[in-house]
Each structure stands twice: as structure tokens, then as C-alpha cells.
Protein backbone atom coordinates (compact mmCIF):
# COMPACT_ATOMS: atom_id res chain seq x y z
CA UNK A 1 -19.21 36.85 -15.12
CA UNK A 2 -15.53 35.97 -15.17
CA UNK A 3 -14.45 34.27 -18.38
CA UNK A 4 -10.72 34.86 -18.23
CA UNK A 5 -8.21 32.33 -19.43
CA UNK A 6 -8.81 28.95 -20.91
CA UNK A 7 -10.36 26.05 -19.10
CA UNK A 8 -9.92 22.44 -20.05
CA UNK A 9 -9.22 18.90 -19.00
CA UNK A 10 -6.04 16.93 -18.71
CA UNK A 11 -5.57 13.60 -20.44
CA UNK A 12 -6.75 11.86 -17.23
CA UNK A 13 -9.97 13.92 -17.13
CA UNK A 14 -8.86 16.29 -14.36
CA UNK A 15 -10.07 19.90 -14.50
CA UNK A 16 -7.52 22.51 -15.54
CA UNK A 17 -8.34 25.94 -14.08
CA UNK A 18 -6.28 29.03 -14.97
CA UNK A 19 -3.98 30.31 -12.20
CA UNK A 20 -5.67 33.73 -12.13
CA UNK A 21 -9.04 32.12 -11.36
CA UNK A 22 -7.56 29.66 -8.82
CA UNK A 23 -5.98 32.54 -6.91
CA UNK A 24 -9.07 34.76 -7.06
CA UNK A 25 -11.51 32.11 -5.89
CA UNK A 26 -9.26 30.12 -3.56
CA UNK A 27 -9.35 26.94 -5.63
CA UNK A 28 -6.64 24.41 -4.89
CA UNK A 29 -5.91 20.69 -4.92
CA UNK A 30 -8.86 18.79 -3.50
CA UNK A 31 -11.34 21.58 -4.28
CA UNK A 32 -14.65 20.26 -5.55
CA UNK A 33 -16.48 22.24 -8.22
CA UNK A 34 -20.26 22.48 -8.35
CA UNK A 35 -21.70 22.24 -11.87
CA UNK A 36 -25.03 23.81 -12.88
CA UNK A 37 -26.91 24.46 -16.09
CA UNK A 38 -28.26 27.91 -16.90
CA UNK A 39 -30.11 27.61 -20.18
CA UNK A 40 -27.46 26.79 -22.76
CA UNK A 41 -24.58 27.72 -20.41
CA UNK A 42 -22.65 25.68 -17.88
CA UNK A 43 -21.92 27.44 -14.60
CA UNK A 44 -19.04 26.19 -12.44
CA UNK A 45 -18.89 27.30 -8.79
CA UNK A 46 -16.61 26.56 -5.92
CA UNK A 47 -18.59 24.21 -3.70
CA UNK A 48 -19.43 25.60 -0.28
CA UNK A 49 -18.12 24.13 2.91
CA UNK A 50 -20.44 22.21 5.19
CA UNK A 51 -20.48 22.02 8.97
CA UNK A 52 -20.82 18.72 10.82
CA UNK A 53 -24.35 19.86 11.70
CA UNK A 54 -25.18 20.27 7.99
CA UNK A 55 -23.88 16.77 7.26
CA UNK A 56 -25.77 15.27 10.22
CA UNK A 57 -28.98 16.96 9.07
CA UNK A 58 -28.48 15.65 5.51
CA UNK A 59 -27.87 12.11 6.76
CA UNK A 60 -30.46 11.90 9.54
CA UNK A 61 -32.96 14.68 8.84
CA UNK A 62 -34.37 16.40 11.90
CA UNK A 63 -34.27 13.26 14.07
CA UNK A 64 -32.64 13.92 17.40
CA UNK A 65 -30.58 11.15 19.04
CA UNK A 66 -31.76 9.84 22.37
CA UNK A 67 -29.92 11.54 25.23
CA UNK A 68 -27.29 9.30 26.84
CA UNK A 69 -25.24 9.69 29.96
CA UNK A 70 -21.46 9.74 29.80
CA UNK A 71 -21.37 6.34 31.50
CA UNK A 72 -23.68 4.90 28.82
CA UNK A 73 -21.49 6.31 26.04
CA UNK A 74 -18.31 4.92 27.58
CA UNK A 75 -19.94 1.52 28.05
CA UNK A 76 -21.11 1.47 24.42
CA UNK A 77 -17.65 2.36 23.17
CA UNK A 78 -16.11 -0.36 25.35
CA UNK A 79 -18.62 -2.92 24.05
CA UNK A 80 -17.88 -1.92 20.46
CA UNK A 81 -14.12 -2.15 20.92
CA UNK A 82 -14.42 -5.57 22.56
CA UNK A 83 -16.70 -6.90 19.88
CA UNK A 84 -14.70 -5.42 17.02
CA UNK A 85 -11.13 -6.00 18.12
CA UNK A 86 -10.83 -8.38 21.04
CA UNK A 87 -13.10 -11.31 20.16
CA UNK A 88 -11.79 -13.54 17.42
């Protein structure tokens, strides 16, 4: 386990990670840590990246969308744009 450097929070509550650890684990602005408990210890990990398929599966489960033709998709987009932006 790596326990090098000090770790803390800024006055605004932002995490402060030592440079050595940021460089080693590729942590930068916008990185999201994953927090876990392990007995009486706190484990901080760099959160993994998710594919659009992972996100779709998390949001919709294993449901598959009904197949649509390209013409149907274009028509739906046109209807949406008209309803959303052109009718007042």
C-alpha cells in the first residue's frame, strides 16, 4: 500500500493529493476518487472509466431498444426539433 506524502483537504473541502501520487496514478483536475471502507481503514482509489455501453446498461438494464429505420430516426429528430424549438 502506498502511504507516501500527506493527504488533506483545502479550506473549500477539495481533496489535496501529493504530487508524487498524482503523477504515479494519473490523477488530475476533474478526477473522481472512489472511497471504500476496509475495517478501520479508508481506501481511496482512482475511479475507473466507463464506456457508453456501461452507462446505458446502468440506466436501462438489459432492455434493448426497438429497432428503427434511419427514416424513422430522422423523422423523430425532426418532430422533436419542431416541437422544442419552432412552436411557440
